Amino acid sequence: MIRTLLAVSVLAALSAAPAVRAHEAGDLILRVGAHTVDPKSDNGSLAGGALAVDVGSSTRPTFAVEWMLTDNLGLDVLASLPFRHDIDLNGAHAGSTKHLPPTVSLQWHFNPRGTVQPYLGAGINYTLFSGERSAGPIAGTDLDLDASWGLAAHAGIDFRLGERWLLGIDARWIDIDTDVRVDGADVGTVNIDPMVFGVYAGYRF
């Protein structure tokens, strides 16, 4: 689904050739879209290495607001509806969790006067876990995941569709590590460290 939306975004942007105004200091850009959080393939192990952890992917609506500090530099805040991830232990479904990943980044726009505007950013992420549920081999236990602070990197392209509107694609890497407790006992750390891929529509105020 995300790949199809990405292709549609690119084709729509390339087929349009309107006059555009540059990003300027003081502009506020709202982006609304959908992103897939895709954890890395090796999420670590629990219980002294006895349980290999696998965290599944999730796709949810997202929104971001960017305030242009200069024509090139912007401050971006990403938010979303809660992502939901299944958790497997040694290949067996063992639970699920939800998380919110607000991320703040400084972003450099390389071509603020162009129709195609690439950008790079770096910042910090706070991930809050909630709604943990245990199942399968740990069914009936109290599963708890600690909140996480970590660095984040961001790259994307805005395709301008006129004076105010734009379409875009982006990718983020986020450092998310969470300490895990089962029935109050520490059992290890899960390294999620996902890539986040998305597509969005935007409007500049």
Protein backbone atom coordinates (compact mmCIF):
# COMPACT_ATOMS: atom_id res chain seq x y z
CA MET A 1 0.00 0.00 0.00
CA ILE A 2 2.75 2.48 0.99
CA ARG A 3 4.75 1.67 -2.17
CA THR A 4 1.66 2.32 -4.34
CA LEU A 5 1.01 5.65 -2.63
CA LEU A 6 4.65 6.63 -3.09
CA ALA A 7 4.47 5.91 -6.80
CA VAL A 8 1.22 7.89 -7.16
CA SER A 9 2.76 10.83 -5.29
CA VAL A 10 5.82 10.95 -7.52
CA LEU A 11 3.81 10.65 -10.75
CA ALA A 12 1.37 13.34 -9.68
CA ALA A 13 4.15 15.71 -8.72
CA LEU A 14 6.13 15.18 -11.91
CA SER A 15 3.05 15.71 -14.08
CA ALA A 16 2.36 19.12 -12.54
CA ALA A 17 4.43 22.17 -13.35
CA PRO A 18 2.90 25.16 -11.57
CA ALA A 19 4.67 28.29 -10.43
CA VAL A 20 5.78 28.01 -6.82
CA ARG A 21 7.00 30.34 -4.11
CA ALA A 22 10.03 29.49 -2.01
CA HIS A 23 9.86 28.30 1.57
CA GLU A 24 10.48 31.36 3.71
CA ALA A 25 11.36 32.03 7.34
CA GLY A 26 8.15 32.00 9.39
CA ASP A 27 6.23 29.59 7.12
CA LEU A 28 4.30 26.80 8.84
CA ILE A 29 4.00 23.53 6.89
CA LEU A 30 1.43 20.88 7.85
CA ARG A 31 1.96 17.36 6.48
CA VAL A 32 -0.65 14.57 6.81
CA GLY A 33 -0.06 11.05 5.55
CA ALA A 34 0.65 7.43 6.46
CA HIS A 35 3.84 5.76 7.64
CA THR A 36 5.04 2.21 8.15
CA VAL A 37 7.24 1.51 11.17
CA ASP A 38 9.44 -1.42 10.15
CA PRO A 39 11.64 -2.70 13.04
CA LYS A 40 15.06 -4.06 12.21
CA SER A 41 15.28 -7.83 11.64
CA ASP A 42 17.22 -8.68 14.83
CA ASN A 43 15.44 -7.28 17.87
CA GLY A 44 17.64 -8.97 20.47
CA SER A 45 16.78 -11.60 23.06
CA LEU A 46 15.29 -11.89 26.55
CA ALA A 47 15.78 -14.13 29.58
CA GLY A 48 19.54 -14.34 29.19
CA GLY A 49 19.39 -15.15 25.49
CA ALA A 50 16.83 -17.94 25.79
CA LEU A 51 14.07 -16.05 23.94
CA ALA A 52 14.71 -14.46 20.53
CA VAL A 53 12.48 -11.42 19.98
CA ASP A 54 10.79 -10.39 16.75
CA VAL A 55 8.73 -7.18 16.58
CA GLY A 56 6.28 -6.84 13.68
CA SER A 57 5.65 -3.84 11.40
CA SER A 58 2.74 -1.42 11.65
CA THR A 59 1.18 1.27 9.42
CA ARG A 60 -0.79 4.23 10.78
CA PRO A 61 -1.89 7.77 9.86
CA THR A 62 0.65 10.44 10.78
CA PHE A 63 0.91 14.20 10.84
CA ALA A 64 3.79 16.64 11.18
CA VAL A 65 4.20 20.37 11.59
CA GLU A 66 7.33 22.19 10.45
CA TRP A 67 8.18 25.78 11.31
CA MET A 68 10.71 27.36 8.93
CA LEU A 69 13.36 29.15 11.01
CA THR A 70 15.10 30.38 7.84
CA ASP A 71 14.47 29.75 4.14
CA ASN A 72 16.50 26.52 4.44
CA LEU A 73 16.24 25.42 8.08
CA GLY A 74 13.05 24.10 9.68
CA LEU A 75 11.97 22.65 13.03
CA ASP A 76 9.78 19.57 12.47
CA VAL A 77 7.53 17.76 14.97
CA LEU A 78 6.14 14.32 14.00
CA ALA A 79 3.12 12.72 15.67
CA SER A 80 0.74 9.87 14.84
CA LEU A 81 -2.10 7.64 15.90
CA PRO A 82 -0.78 4.76 18.05
CA PHE A 83 1.15 2.13 16.13
CA ARG A 84 0.39 -1.51 17.10
CA HIS A 85 3.09 -4.20 16.96
CA ASP A 86 2.89 -7.96 17.42
CA ILE A 87 5.70 -9.52 19.45
CA ASP A 88 7.03 -13.05 18.82
CA LEU A 89 9.31 -15.04 21.11
CA ASN A 90 11.23 -17.89 19.47
CA GLY A 91 8.81 -17.63 16.54
CA ALA A 92 5.62 -17.93 18.64
CA HIS A 93 3.17 -15.07 19.08
CA ALA A 94 3.69 -13.84 22.65
CA GLY A 95 1.99 -10.47 22.85
CA SER A 96 1.48 -7.02 21.42
CA THR A 97 2.00 -3.38 22.30
CA LYS A 98 1.05 0.08 21.09
CA HIS A 99 3.40 3.02 20.90
CA LEU A 100 3.45 6.74 20.18
CA PRO A 101 6.71 8.05 18.68
CA PRO A 102 6.78 11.89 18.83
CA THR A 103 9.97 13.05 17.11
CA VAL A 104 11.50 16.53 16.91
CA SER A 105 14.03 17.24 14.14
CA LEU A 106 15.97 20.11 12.63
CA GLN A 107 15.73 19.85 8.82
CA TRP A 108 17.82 21.42 6.08
CA HIS A 109 16.00 22.09 2.79
CA PHE A 110 18.47 22.06 -0.10
CA ASN A 111 16.32 23.70 -2.78
CA PRO A 112 13.67 25.90 -1.12
CA ARG A 113 12.91 27.72 -4.39
CA GLY A 114 12.45 24.61 -6.52
CA THR A 115 9.49 22.44 -7.43
CA VAL A 116 11.43 19.42 -6.12
CA GLN A 117 12.79 20.09 -2.63
CA PRO A 118 14.95 17.41 -0.92
CA TYR A 119 15.77 17.74 2.76
CA LEU A 120 17.77 16.04 5.51
CA GLY A 121 17.14 16.19 9.24
CA ALA A 122 18.31 14.92 12.61
CA GLY A 123 16.72 15.06 16.03
CA ILE A 124 15.43 13.20 19.05
CA ASN A 125 12.61 10.71 19.59
CA TYR A 126 10.52 9.81 22.63
CA THR A 127 8.60 6.55 22.36
CA LEU A 128 5.81 5.82 24.84
CA PHE A 129 4.51 2.23 25.00
CA SER A 130 1.01 1.35 26.17
CA GLY A 131 -1.63 -1.38 25.99
CA GLU A 132 0.84 -4.25 26.37
CA ARG A 133 -0.82 -7.66 26.10
CA SER A 134 0.73 -11.05 26.76
CA ALA A 135 -0.19 -14.22 24.83
CA GLY A 136 1.06 -17.68 23.88
CA PRO A 137 4.04 -18.79 25.99
CA ILE A 138 3.68 -15.86 28.43
CA ALA A 139 -0.15 -15.65 28.46
CA GLY A 140 -1.53 -14.39 31.75
CA THR A 141 1.63 -12.51 32.77
CA ASP A 142 1.99 -8.75 33.22
CA LEU A 143 4.06 -7.49 30.25
CA ASP A 144 5.54 -4.00 30.60
CA LEU A 145 7.75 -2.00 28.19
CA ASP A 146 9.63 1.09 29.37
CA ALA A 147 9.54 4.38 27.45
CA SER A 148 12.52 5.11 25.21
CA TRP A 149 14.61 8.16 24.32
CA GLY A 150 16.79 8.01 21.21
CA LEU A 151 18.28 9.81 18.24
CA ALA A 152 16.51 10.04 14.89
CA ALA A 153 17.58 10.75 11.30
CA HIS A 154 15.27 11.92 8.52
CA ALA A 155 15.41 12.29 4.73
CA GLY A 156 12.65 13.24 2.30
CA ILE A 157 11.52 15.05 -0.82
CA ASP A 158 8.72 17.59 -1.16
CA PHE A 159 7.10 17.89 -4.62
CA ARG A 160 5.48 21.30 -4.83
CA LEU A 161 2.03 21.43 -6.46
CA GLY A 162 1.52 25.16 -6.53
CA GLU A 163 1.74 28.11 -4.16
CA ARG A 164 0.61 26.20 -1.06
CA TRP A 165 0.19 22.46 -1.69
CA LEU A 166 2.78 19.71 -1.85
CA LEU A 167 3.15 15.93 -1.91
CA GLY A 168 6.10 14.12 -0.40
CA ILE A 169 7.88 10.92 0.51
CA ASP A 170 10.25 10.38 3.40
CA ALA A 171 12.21 7.87 5.46
CA ARG A 172 13.38 7.98 9.06
CA TRP A 173 15.67 5.88 11.20
CA ILE A 174 14.83 5.95 14.92
CA ASP A 175 16.80 4.54 17.83
CA ILE A 176 14.19 2.78 20.01
CA ASP A 177 15.35 0.47 22.81
CA THR A 178 12.98 -0.62 25.57
CA ASP A 179 13.60 -2.49 28.81
CA VAL A 180 11.11 -5.33 29.31
CA ARG A 181 9.57 -6.60 32.54
CA VAL A 182 7.38 -9.68 32.99
CA ASP A 183 5.44 -9.81 36.27
CA GLY A 184 7.73 -7.05 37.52
CA ALA A 185 10.98 -8.90 36.82
CA ASP A 186 13.53 -7.44 34.37
CA VAL A 187 14.03 -9.88 31.50
CA GLY A 188 16.16 -7.83 29.10
CA THR A 189 16.10 -5.12 26.42
CA VAL A 190 14.39 -5.13 23.03
CA ASN A 191 16.17 -3.19 20.25
CA ILE A 192 13.48 -2.05 17.82
CA ASP A 193 15.49 0.58 15.88
CA PRO A 194 13.01 0.85 12.98
CA MET A 195 13.08 2.39 9.56
CA VAL A 196 9.94 4.49 9.03
CA PHE A 197 8.71 4.96 5.46
CA GLY A 198 5.90 7.29 4.50
CA VAL A 199 3.96 9.38 2.03
CA TYR A 200 2.09 12.60 2.78
CA ALA A 201 0.24 15.62 1.49
CA GLY A 202 1.20 19.03 2.80
CA TYR A 203 -0.05 22.60 3.00
CA ARG A 204 2.00 25.72 3.73
CA PHE A 205 0.45 28.47 5.81
